[in-house]
Amino acid sequence: APGKMAAPAAAWNRLDVPWPASGARFPPAVRRLPALRRRCDMAGKRLSGTGLAAEGRVLRAVLYVYHSRLLRHRPYLALQQVEQCLKRLWKMNLVGCIEALAELIPR
């Protein structure tokens, strides 16, 4: 029927790509898929592990303690930018996107 989405249960159709995005067709390199799955698993573990969260908490504590003393110093401003990057990283839900990508890769 016109207007219906083709194959809603197909693997290529399950990933939600937010707009604006780009699409491209390319032949899959099947022999590289297991390595991609391993890399996805490693990245997911590192992002969802306790190390990155602990470093973020330490960074926020340092920024809180030195806010009034170092408000306009360049190193302090650089640390604030790092904190903003960490906030954006968590807001992106990168771990969820990596897990969704790993699910699309056949075992």
PDB file of N, CA and C in Angstrom:
ATOM      1  N   ALA A   1       0.841  -1.182   0.000  1.00  0.00           N
ATOM      2  CA  ALA A   1       0.000   0.000   0.000  1.00  0.00           C
ATOM      3  C   ALA A   1       0.883   1.241   0.000  1.00  0.00           C
ATOM      4  N   PRO A   2       0.511   2.271  -0.749  1.00  0.00           N
ATOM      5  CA  PRO A   2       1.340   3.477  -0.785  1.00  0.00           C
ATOM      6  C   PRO A   2       1.309   4.188   0.570  1.00  0.00           C
ATOM      7  N   GLY A   3       2.442   4.786   0.910  1.00  0.00           N
ATOM      8  CA  GLY A   3       2.524   5.530   2.162  1.00  0.00           C
ATOM      9  C   GLY A   3       2.966   4.697   3.349  1.00  0.00           C
ATOM     10  N   LYS A   4       3.041   3.384   3.181  1.00  0.00           N
ATOM     11  CA  LYS A   4       3.482   2.535   4.290  1.00  0.00           C
ATOM     12  C   LYS A   4       4.985   2.354   4.220  1.00  0.00           C
ATOM     13  N   MET A   5       5.571   2.184   5.389  1.00  0.00           N
ATOM     14  CA  MET A   5       7.011   1.991   5.445  1.00  0.00           C
ATOM     15  C   MET A   5       7.334   0.555   5.050  1.00  0.00           C
ATOM     16  N   ALA A   6       8.364   0.386   4.251  1.00  0.00           N
ATOM     17  CA  ALA A   6       8.751  -0.935   3.781  1.00  0.00           C
ATOM     18  C   ALA A   6       9.513  -1.671   4.863  1.00  0.00           C
ATOM     19  N   ALA A   7       9.110  -2.876   5.135  1.00  0.00           N
ATOM     20  CA  ALA A   7       9.806  -3.787   6.048  1.00  0.00           C
ATOM     21  C   ALA A   7      10.144  -3.143   7.391  1.00  0.00           C
ATOM     22  N   PRO A   8       9.143  -2.831   8.222  1.00  0.00           N
ATOM     23  CA  PRO A   8       9.436  -2.167   9.495  1.00  0.00           C
ATOM     24  C   PRO A   8      10.259  -3.023  10.449  1.00  0.00           C
ATOM     25  N   ALA A   9      10.253  -4.340  10.274  1.00  0.00           N
ATOM     26  CA  ALA A   9      11.013  -5.197  11.182  1.00  0.00           C
ATOM     27  C   ALA A   9      12.415  -5.494  10.666  1.00  0.00           C
ATOM     28  N   ALA A  10      12.749  -4.985   9.491  1.00  0.00           N
ATOM     29  CA  ALA A  10      14.073  -5.248   8.930  1.00  0.00           C
ATOM     30  C   ALA A  10      15.145  -4.586   9.786  1.00  0.00           C
ATOM     31  N   ALA A  11      16.314  -5.213   9.834  1.00  0.00           N
ATOM     32  CA  ALA A  11      17.394  -4.729  10.701  1.00  0.00           C
ATOM     33  C   ALA A  11      17.826  -3.314  10.337  1.00  0.00           C
ATOM     34  N   TRP A  12      17.867  -2.993   9.058  1.00  0.00           N
ATOM     35  CA  TRP A  12      18.322  -1.663   8.646  1.00  0.00           C
ATOM     36  C   TRP A  12      17.319  -0.585   8.986  1.00  0.00           C
ATOM     37  N   ASN A  13      16.092  -0.974   9.319  1.00  0.00           N
ATOM     38  CA  ASN A  13      15.035  -0.008   9.567  1.00  0.00           C
ATOM     39  C   ASN A  13      14.778   0.215  11.057  1.00  0.00           C
ATOM     40  N   ARG A  14      15.513  -0.448  11.936  1.00  0.00           N
ATOM     41  CA  ARG A  14      15.264  -0.326  13.369  1.00  0.00           C
ATOM     42  C   ARG A  14      16.026   0.814  14.019  1.00  0.00           C
ATOM     43  N   LEU A  15      17.063   1.305  13.397  1.00  0.00           N
ATOM     44  CA  LEU A  15      17.893   2.340  14.000  1.00  0.00           C
ATOM     45  C   LEU A  15      17.264   3.704  13.755  1.00  0.00           C
ATOM     46  N   ASP A  16      17.060   4.464  14.826  1.00  0.00           N
ATOM     47  CA  ASP A  16      16.473   5.793  14.735  1.00  0.00           C
ATOM     48  C   ASP A  16      17.594   6.807  14.565  1.00  0.00           C
ATOM     49  N   VAL A  17      17.689   7.405  13.383  1.00  0.00           N
ATOM     50  CA  VAL A  17      18.716   8.406  13.103  1.00  0.00           C
ATOM     51  C   VAL A  17      18.044   9.770  13.146  1.00  0.00           C
ATOM     52  N   PRO A  18      18.427  10.644  14.087  1.00  0.00           N
ATOM     53  CA  PRO A  18      17.772  11.951  14.185  1.00  0.00           C
ATOM     54  C   PRO A  18      18.093  12.841  12.987  1.00  0.00           C
ATOM     55  N   TRP A  19      17.184  13.739  12.675  1.00  0.00           N
ATOM     56  CA  TRP A  19      17.363  14.670  11.582  1.00  0.00           C
ATOM     57  C   TRP A  19      18.222  15.815  12.050  1.00  0.00           C
ATOM     58  N   PRO A  20      19.093  16.447  11.369  1.00  0.00           N
ATOM     59  CA  PRO A  20      19.513  16.126  10.017  1.00  0.00           C
ATOM     60  C   PRO A  20      20.549  15.021  10.026  1.00  0.00           C
ATOM     61  N   ALA A  21      20.441  14.148   9.114  1.00  0.00           N
ATOM     62  CA  ALA A  21      21.385  13.036   9.011  1.00  0.00           C
ATOM     63  C   ALA A  21      21.654  12.783   7.537  1.00  0.00           C
ATOM     64  N   SER A  22      22.661  12.032   7.288  1.00  0.00           N
ATOM     65  CA  SER A  22      22.964  11.704   5.905  1.00  0.00           C
ATOM     66  C   SER A  22      22.886  10.198   5.743  1.00  0.00           C
ATOM     67  N   GLY A  23      22.617   9.792   4.565  1.00  0.00           N
ATOM     68  CA  GLY A  23      22.549   8.369   4.283  1.00  0.00           C
ATOM     69  C   GLY A  23      23.419   8.042   3.093  1.00  0.00           C
ATOM     70  N   ALA A  24      23.940   6.847   3.088  1.00  0.00           N
ATOM     71  CA  ALA A  24      24.772   6.414   1.976  1.00  0.00           C
ATOM     72  C   ALA A  24      24.635   4.913   1.841  1.00  0.00           C
ATOM     73  N   ARG A  25      24.780   4.442   0.645  1.00  0.00           N
ATOM     74  CA  ARG A  25      24.753   2.999   0.409  1.00  0.00           C
ATOM     75  C   ARG A  25      26.164   2.544   0.124  1.00  0.00           C
ATOM     76  N   PHE A  26      26.523   1.440   0.735  1.00  0.00           N
ATOM     77  CA  PHE A  26      27.845   0.878   0.495  1.00  0.00           C
ATOM     78  C   PHE A  26      27.764  -0.615   0.727  1.00  0.00           C
ATOM     79  N   PRO A  27      28.574  -1.379   0.017  1.00  0.00           N
ATOM     80  CA  PRO A  27      28.563  -2.825   0.231  1.00  0.00           C
ATOM     81  C   PRO A  27      29.165  -3.146   1.599  1.00  0.00           C
ATOM     82  N   PRO A  28      28.488  -3.960   2.392  1.00  0.00           N
ATOM     83  CA  PRO A  28      29.018  -4.255   3.729  1.00  0.00           C
ATOM     84  C   PRO A  28      30.280  -5.111   3.653  1.00  0.00           C
ATOM     85  N   ALA A  29      31.238  -4.736   4.434  1.00  0.00           N
ATOM     86  CA  ALA A  29      32.468  -5.526   4.542  1.00  0.00           C
ATOM     87  C   ALA A  29      32.224  -6.542   5.657  1.00  0.00           C
ATOM     88  N   VAL A  30      31.718  -7.691   5.290  1.00  0.00           N
ATOM     89  CA  VAL A  30      31.256  -8.690   6.251  1.00  0.00           C
ATOM     90  C   VAL A  30      32.378  -9.151   7.162  1.00  0.00           C
ATOM     91  N   ARG A  31      33.573  -9.223   6.656  1.00  0.00           N
ATOM     92  CA  ARG A  31      34.661  -9.723   7.497  1.00  0.00           C
ATOM     93  C   ARG A  31      35.045  -8.728   8.592  1.00  0.00           C
ATOM     94  N   ARG A  32      34.639  -7.484   8.466  1.00  0.00           N
ATOM     95  CA  ARG A  32      34.958  -6.472   9.479  1.00  0.00           C
ATOM     96  C   ARG A  32      33.871  -6.318  10.533  1.00  0.00           C
ATOM     97  N   LEU A  33      32.732  -6.942  10.343  1.00  0.00           N
ATOM     98  CA  LEU A  33      31.623  -6.792  11.284  1.00  0.00           C
ATOM     99  C   LEU A  33      31.938  -7.315  12.687  1.00  0.00           C
ATOM    100  N   PRO A  34      32.595  -8.476  12.842  1.00  0.00           N
ATOM    101  CA  PRO A  34      32.922  -8.913  14.213  1.00  0.00           C
ATOM    102  C   PRO A  34      33.845  -7.934  14.941  1.00  0.00           C
ATOM    103  N   ALA A  35      34.790  -7.343  14.226  1.00  0.00           N
ATOM    104  CA  ALA A  35      35.677  -6.353  14.852  1.00  0.00           C
ATOM    105  C   ALA A  35      34.884  -5.112  15.260  1.00  0.00           C
ATOM    106  N   LEU A  36      33.925  -4.707  14.430  1.00  0.00           N
ATOM    107  CA  LEU A  36      33.085  -3.562  14.769  1.00  0.00           C
ATOM    108  C   LEU A  36      32.257  -3.853  16.015  1.00  0.00           C
ATOM    109  N   ARG A  37      31.719  -5.072  16.108  1.00  0.00           N
ATOM    110  CA  ARG A  37      30.938  -5.449  17.291  1.00  0.00           C
ATOM    111  C   ARG A  37      31.809  -5.401  18.540  1.00  0.00           C
ATOM    112  N   ARG A  38      33.042  -5.917  18.451  1.00  0.00           N
ATOM    113  CA  ARG A  38      33.948  -5.878  19.614  1.00  0.00           C
ATOM    114  C   ARG A  38      34.250  -4.444  20.020  1.00  0.00           C
ATOM    115  N   ARG A  39      34.490  -3.585  19.038  1.00  0.00           N
ATOM    116  CA  ARG A  39      34.776  -2.177  19.342  1.00  0.00           C
ATOM    117  C   ARG A  39      33.563  -1.497  19.978  1.00  0.00           C
ATOM    118  N   CYS A  40      32.373  -1.822  19.502  1.00  0.00           N
ATOM    119  CA  CYS A  40      31.154  -1.262  20.099  1.00  0.00           C
ATOM    120  C   CYS A  40      31.031  -1.700  21.554  1.00  0.00           C
ATOM    121  N   ASP A  41      31.292  -2.981  21.811  1.00  0.00           N
ATOM    122  CA  ASP A  41      31.222  -3.481  23.184  1.00  0.00           C
ATOM    123  C   ASP A  41      32.246  -2.792  24.076  1.00  0.00           C
ATOM    124  N   MET A  42      33.475  -2.629  23.571  1.00  0.00           N
ATOM    125  CA  MET A  42      34.516  -1.953  24.358  1.00  0.00           C
ATOM    126  C   MET A  42      34.131  -0.506  24.654  1.00  0.00           C
ATOM    127  N   ALA A  43      33.652   0.200  23.645  1.00  0.00           N
ATOM    128  CA  ALA A  43      33.274   1.603  23.837  1.00  0.00           C
ATOM    129  C   ALA A  43      32.112   1.721  24.815  1.00  0.00           C
ATOM    130  N   GLY A  44      31.141   0.821  24.705  1.00  0.00           N
ATOM    131  CA  GLY A  44      30.016   0.847  25.637  1.00  0.00           C
ATOM    132  C   GLY A  44      30.444   0.604  27.068  1.00  0.00           C
ATOM    133  N   LYS A  45      31.363  -0.344  27.258  1.00  0.00           N
ATOM    134  CA  LYS A  45      31.852  -0.617  28.615  1.00  0.00           C
ATOM    135  C   LYS A  45      32.607   0.569  29.186  1.00  0.00           C
ATOM    136  N   ARG A  46      33.424   1.214  28.361  1.00  0.00           N
ATOM    137  CA  ARG A  46      34.195   2.362  28.858  1.00  0.00           C
ATOM    138  C   ARG A  46      33.298   3.550  29.173  1.00  0.00           C
ATOM    139  N   LEU A  47      32.284   3.768  28.353  1.00  0.00           N
ATOM    140  CA  LEU A  47      31.400   4.904  28.589  1.00  0.00           C
ATOM    141  C   LEU A  47      30.450   4.674  29.753  1.00  0.00           C
ATOM    142  N   SER A  48      30.034   3.435  29.961  1.00  0.00           N
ATOM    143  CA  SER A  48      29.091   3.164  31.044  1.00  0.00           C
ATOM    144  C   SER A  48      29.791   2.688  32.312  1.00  0.00           C
ATOM    145  N   GLY A  49      31.103   2.587  32.289  1.00  0.00           N
ATOM    146  CA  GLY A  49      31.850   2.152  33.464  1.00  0.00           C
ATOM    147  C   GLY A  49      31.910   3.232  34.535  1.00  0.00           C
ATOM    148  N   THR A  50      32.482   2.860  35.668  1.00  0.00           N
ATOM    149  CA  THR A  50      32.532   3.783  36.800  1.00  0.00           C
ATOM    150  C   THR A  50      33.639   4.818  36.656  1.00  0.00           C
ATOM    151  N   GLY A  51      34.646   4.562  35.842  1.00  0.00           N
ATOM    152  CA  GLY A  51      35.786   5.474  35.719  1.00  0.00           C
ATOM    153  C   GLY A  51      35.406   6.843  35.195  1.00  0.00           C
ATOM    154  N   LEU A  52      34.663   6.886  34.090  1.00  0.00           N
ATOM    155  CA  LEU A  52      34.289   8.165  33.495  1.00  0.00           C
ATOM    156  C   LEU A  52      33.346   8.942  34.412  1.00  0.00           C
ATOM    157  N   ALA A  53      32.422   8.245  35.057  1.00  0.00           N
ATOM    158  CA  ALA A  53      31.501   8.915  35.980  1.00  0.00           C
ATOM    159  C   ALA A  53      32.251   9.487  37.176  1.00  0.00           C
ATOM    160  N   ALA A  54      33.225   8.737  37.692  1.00  0.00           N
ATOM    161  CA  ALA A  54      34.009   9.225  38.834  1.00  0.00           C
ATOM    162  C   ALA A  54      34.831  10.449  38.444  1.00  0.00           C
ATOM    163  N   GLU A  55      35.428  10.426  37.260  1.00  0.00           N
ATOM    164  CA  GLU A  55      36.195  11.584  36.806  1.00  0.00           C
ATOM    165  C   GLU A  55      35.296  12.808  36.629  1.00  0.00           C
ATOM    166  N   GLY A  56      34.079  12.593  36.162  1.00  0.00           N
ATOM    167  CA  GLY A  56      33.132  13.703  36.032  1.00  0.00           C
ATOM    168  C   GLY A  56      32.758  14.287  37.380  1.00  0.00           C
ATOM    169  N   ARG A  57      32.565  13.422  38.382  1.00  0.00           N
ATOM    170  CA  ARG A  57      32.246  13.912  39.731  1.00  0.00           C
ATOM    171  C   ARG A  57      33.406  14.704  40.315  1.00  0.00           C
ATOM    172  N   VAL A  58      34.636  14.218  40.119  1.00  0.00           N
ATOM    173  CA  VAL A  58      35.816  14.942  40.610  1.00  0.00           C
ATOM    174  C   VAL A  58      35.923  16.299  39.917  1.00  0.00           C
ATOM    175  N   LEU A  59      35.701  16.329  38.619  1.00  0.00           N
ATOM    176  CA  LEU A  59      35.762  17.584  37.874  1.00  0.00           C
ATOM    177  C   LEU A  59      34.734  18.580  38.400  1.00  0.00           C
ATOM    178  N   ARG A  60      33.499  18.128  38.621  1.00  0.00           N
ATOM    179  CA  ARG A  60      32.469  19.024  39.145  1.00  0.00           C
ATOM    180  C   ARG A  60      32.821  19.531  40.536  1.00  0.00           C
ATOM    181  N   ALA A  61      33.413  18.668  41.371  1.00  0.00           N
ATOM    182  CA  ALA A  61      33.819  19.090  42.717  1.00  0.00           C
ATOM    183  C   ALA A  61      34.912  20.149  42.656  1.00  0.00           C
ATOM    184  N   VAL A  62      35.900  19.960  41.777  1.00  0.00           N
ATOM    185  CA  VAL A  62      36.984  20.944  41.636  1.00  0.00           C
ATOM    186  C   VAL A  62      36.421  22.276  41.145  1.00  0.00           C
ATOM    187  N   LEU A  63      35.534  22.225  40.171  1.00  0.00           N
ATOM    188  CA  LEU A  63      34.944  23.462  39.658  1.00  0.00           C
ATOM    189  C   LEU A  63      34.130  24.173  40.733  1.00  0.00           C
ATOM    190  N   TYR A  64      33.436  23.417  41.556  1.00  0.00           N
ATOM    191  CA  TYR A  64      32.626  24.009  42.623  1.00  0.00           C
ATOM    192  C   TYR A  64      33.508  24.686  43.671  1.00  0.00           C
ATOM    193  N   VAL A  65      34.581  24.010  44.070  1.00  0.00           N
ATOM    194  CA  VAL A  65      35.451  24.529  45.128  1.00  0.00           C
ATOM    195  C   VAL A  65      36.182  25.792  44.673  1.00  0.00           C
ATOM    196  N   TYR A  66      36.650  25.811  43.434  1.00  0.00           N
ATOM    197  CA  TYR A  66      37.468  26.926  42.964  1.00  0.00           C
ATOM    198  C   TYR A  66      36.694  27.972  42.164  1.00  0.00           C
ATOM    199  N   HIS A  67      35.381  27.929  42.202  1.00  0.00           N
ATOM    200  CA  HIS A  67      34.577  28.839  41.381  1.00  0.00           C
ATOM    201  C   HIS A  67      34.874  30.308  41.676  1.00  0.00           C
ATOM    202  N   SER A  68      34.855  30.700  42.926  1.00  0.00           N
ATOM    203  CA  SER A  68      35.010  32.124  43.248  1.00  0.00           C
ATOM    204  C   SER A  68      36.451  32.602  43.079  1.00  0.00           C
ATOM    205  N   ARG A  69      37.430  31.722  43.269  1.00  0.00           N
ATOM    206  CA  ARG A  69      38.835  32.135  43.194  1.00  0.00           C
ATOM    207  C   ARG A  69      39.372  32.189  41.769  1.00  0.00           C
ATOM    208  N   LEU A  70      38.944  31.270  40.940  1.00  0.00           N
ATOM    209  CA  LEU A  70      39.540  31.136  39.605  1.00  0.00           C
ATOM    210  C   LEU A  70      38.551  31.406  38.475  1.00  0.00           C
ATOM    211  N   LEU A  71      37.565  32.221  38.746  1.00  0.00           N
ATOM    212  CA  LEU A  71      36.464  32.393  37.801  1.00  0.00           C
ATOM    213  C   LEU A  71      36.923  32.797  36.393  1.00  0.00           C
ATOM    214  N   ARG A  72      37.945  33.642  36.269  1.00  0.00           N
ATOM    215  CA  ARG A  72      38.377  34.128  34.955  1.00  0.00           C
ATOM    216  C   ARG A  72      39.723  33.572  34.509  1.00  0.00           C
ATOM    217  N   HIS A  73      40.264  32.610  35.195  1.00  0.00           N
ATOM    218  CA  HIS A  73      41.555  32.038  34.805  1.00  0.00           C
ATOM    219  C   HIS A  73      41.352  31.051  33.660  1.00  0.00           C
ATOM    220  N   ARG A  74      42.287  31.036  32.735  1.00  0.00           N
ATOM    221  CA  ARG A  74      42.152  30.181  31.548  1.00  0.00           C
ATOM    222  C   ARG A  74      42.070  28.693  31.877  1.00  0.00           C
ATOM    223  N   PRO A  75      42.896  28.159  32.773  1.00  0.00           N
ATOM    224  CA  PRO A  75      42.757  26.727  33.083  1.00  0.00           C
ATOM    225  C   PRO A  75      41.380  26.381  33.651  1.00  0.00           C
ATOM    226  N   TYR A  76      40.837  27.276  34.466  1.00  0.00           N
ATOM    227  CA  TYR A  76      39.500  27.049  35.023  1.00  0.00           C
ATOM    228  C   TYR A  76      38.451  27.052  33.913  1.00  0.00           C
ATOM    229  N   LEU A  77      38.572  27.999  32.995  1.00  0.00           N
ATOM    230  CA  LEU A  77      37.626  28.067  31.875  1.00  0.00           C
ATOM    231  C   LEU A  77      37.743  26.831  30.984  1.00  0.00           C
ATOM    232  N   ALA A  78      38.960  26.317  30.823  1.00  0.00           N
ATOM    233  CA  ALA A  78      39.148  25.093  30.034  1.00  0.00           C
ATOM    234  C   ALA A  78      38.473  23.909  30.720  1.00  0.00           C
ATOM    235  N   LEU A  79      38.581  23.844  32.057  1.00  0.00           N
ATOM    236  CA  LEU A  79      37.905  22.765  32.791  1.00  0.00           C
ATOM    237  C   LEU A  79      36.391  22.886  32.664  1.00  0.00           C
ATOM    238  N   GLN A  80      35.884  24.113  32.626  1.00  0.00           N
ATOM    239  CA  GLN A  80      34.446  24.293  32.420  1.00  0.00           C
ATOM    240  C   GLN A  80      34.021  23.777  31.044  1.00  0.00           C
ATOM    241  N   GLN A  81      34.863  23.978  30.047  1.00  0.00           N
ATOM    242  CA  GLN A  81      34.539  23.467  28.712  1.00  0.00           C
ATOM    243  C   GLN A  81      34.536  21.941  28.695  1.00  0.00           C
ATOM    244  N   VAL A  82      35.464  21.335  29.427  1.00  0.00           N
ATOM    245  CA  VAL A  82      35.484  19.871  29.525  1.00  0.00           C
ATOM    246  C   VAL A  82      34.199  19.389  30.185  1.00  0.00           C
ATOM    247  N   GLU A  83      33.761  20.098  31.226  1.00  0.00           N
ATOM    248  CA  GLU A  83      32.511  19.720  31.891  1.00  0.00           C
ATOM    249  C   GLU A  83      31.332  19.828  30.926  1.00  0.00           C
ATOM    250  N   GLN A  84      31.299  20.878  30.113  1.00  0.00           N
ATOM    251  CA  GLN A  84      30.226  21.023  29.132  1.00  0.00           C
ATOM    252  C   GLN A  84      30.245  19.881  28.115  1.00  0.00           C
ATOM    253  N   CYS A  85      31.440  19.471  27.709  1.00  0.00           N
ATOM    254  CA  CYS A  85      31.550  18.340  26.775  1.00  0.00           C
ATOM    255  C   CYS A  85      31.025  17.058  27.407  1.00  0.00           C
ATOM    256  N   LEU A  86      31.340  16.835  28.674  1.00  0.00           N
ATOM    257  CA  LEU A  86      30.824  15.649  29.363  1.00  0.00           C
ATOM    258  C   LEU A  86      29.304  15.693  29.463  1.00  0.00           C
ATOM    259  N   LYS A  87      28.749  16.869  29.753  1.00  0.00           N
ATOM    260  CA  LYS A  87      27.289  17.000  29.819  1.00  0.00           C
ATOM    261  C   LYS A  87      26.657  16.665  28.471  1.00  0.00           C
ATOM    262  N   ARG A  88      27.257  17.180  27.397  1.00  0.00           N
ATOM    263  CA  ARG A  88      26.723  16.890  26.057  1.00  0.00           C
ATOM    264  C   ARG A  88      26.835  15.410  25.723  1.00  0.00           C
ATOM    265  N   LEU A  89      27.930  14.799  26.163  1.00  0.00           N
ATOM    266  CA  LEU A  89      28.131  13.371  25.922  1.00  0.00           C
ATOM    267  C   LEU A  89      27.016  12.561  26.572  1.00  0.00           C
ATOM    268  N   TRP A  90      26.670  12.893  27.814  1.00  0.00           N
ATOM    269  CA  TRP A  90      25.606  12.154  28.495  1.00  0.00           C
ATOM    270  C   TRP A  90      24.245  12.464  27.890  1.00  0.00           C
ATOM    271  N   LYS A  91      24.047  13.706  27.450  1.00  0.00           N
ATOM    272  CA  LYS A  91      22.763  14.084  26.869  1.00  0.00           C
ATOM    273  C   LYS A  91      22.528  13.395  25.522  1.00  0.00           C
ATOM    274  N   MET A  92      23.618  13.087  24.817  1.00  0.00           N
ATOM    275  CA  MET A  92      23.519  12.417  23.514  1.00  0.00           C
ATOM    276  C   MET A  92      23.034  10.980  23.634  1.00  0.00           C
ATOM    277  N   ASN A  93      23.158  10.394  24.810  1.00  0.00           N
ATOM    278  CA  ASN A  93      22.867   8.979  25.030  1.00  0.00           C
ATOM    279  C   ASN A  93      23.701   8.123  24.076  1.00  0.00           C
ATOM    280  N   LEU A  94      24.989   8.381  24.079  1.00  0.00           N
ATOM    281  CA  LEU A  94      25.910   7.682  23.191  1.00  0.00           C
ATOM    282  C   LEU A  94      25.948   6.186  23.487  1.00  0.00           C
ATOM    283  N   VAL A  95      25.822   5.827  24.765  1.00  0.00           N
ATOM    284  CA  VAL A  95      25.843   4.409  25.135  1.00  0.00           C
ATOM    285  C   VAL A  95      24.662   3.687  24.486  1.00  0.00           C
ATOM    286  N   GLY A  96      23.488   4.301  24.536  1.00  0.00           N
ATOM    287  CA  GLY A  96      22.312   3.692  23.912  1.00  0.00           C
ATOM    288  C   GLY A  96      22.459   3.552  22.409  1.00  0.00           C
ATOM    289  N   CYS A  97      23.043   4.549  21.766  1.00  0.00           N
ATOM    290  CA  CYS A  97      23.256   4.488  20.314  1.00  0.00           C
ATOM    291  C   CYS A  97      24.249   3.389  19.947  1.00  0.00           C
ATOM    292  N   ILE A  98      25.299   3.255  20.744  1.00  0.00           N
ATOM    293  CA  ILE A  98      26.292   2.207  20.477  1.00  0.00           C
ATOM    294  C   ILE A  98      25.675   0.833  20.676  1.00  0.00           C
ATOM    295  N   GLU A  99      24.846   0.680  21.716  1.00  0.00           N
ATOM    296  CA  GLU A  99      24.174  -0.602  21.939  1.00  0.00           C
ATOM    297  C   GLU A  99      23.225  -0.921  20.792  1.00  0.00           C
ATOM    298  N   ALA A 100      22.508   0.086  20.293  1.00  0.00           N
ATOM    299  CA  ALA A 100      21.602  -0.139  19.161  1.00  0.00           C
ATOM    300  C   ALA A 100      22.383  -0.556  17.917  1.00  0.00           C
ATOM    301  N   LEU A 101      23.532   0.068  17.691  1.00  0.00           N
ATOM    302  CA  LEU A 101      24.374  -0.312  16.555  1.00  0.00           C
ATOM    303  C   LEU A 101      24.879  -1.738  16.709  1.00  0.00           C
ATOM    304  N   ALA A 102      25.293  -2.108  17.915  1.00  0.00           N
ATOM    305  CA  ALA A 102      25.803  -3.462  18.147  1.00  0.00           C
ATOM    306  C   ALA A 102      24.708  -4.508  17.929  1.00  0.00           C
ATOM    307  N   GLU A 103      23.455  -4.167  18.262  1.00  0.00           N
ATOM    308  CA  GLU A 103      22.347  -5.103  18.045  1.00  0.00           C
ATOM    309  C   GLU A 103      22.088  -5.336  16.558  1.00  0.00           C
ATOM    310  N   LEU A 104      22.389  -4.345  15.736  1.00  0.00           N
ATOM    311  CA  LEU A 104      22.147  -4.477  14.297  1.00  0.00           C
ATOM    312  C   LEU A 104      23.183  -5.349  13.604  1.00  0.00           C
ATOM    313  N   ILE A 105      24.324  -5.558  14.249  1.00  0.00           N
ATOM    314  CA  ILE A 105      25.393  -6.349  13.644  1.00  0.00           C
ATOM    315  C   ILE A 105      25.106  -7.826  13.891  1.00  0.00           C
ATOM    316  N   PRO A 106      25.000  -8.628  12.852  1.00  0.00           N
ATOM    317  CA  PRO A 106      24.738 -10.059  13.065  1.00  0.00           C
ATOM    318  C   PRO A 106      25.925 -10.745  13.731  1.00  0.00           C
ATOM    319  N   ARG A 107      25.610 -11.737  14.527  1.00  0.00           N
ATOM    320  CA  ARG A 107      26.672 -12.476  15.242  1.00  0.00           C
ATOM    321  C   ARG A 107      27.313 -13.498  14.358  1.00  0.00           C
TER     322      ARG A 107
END
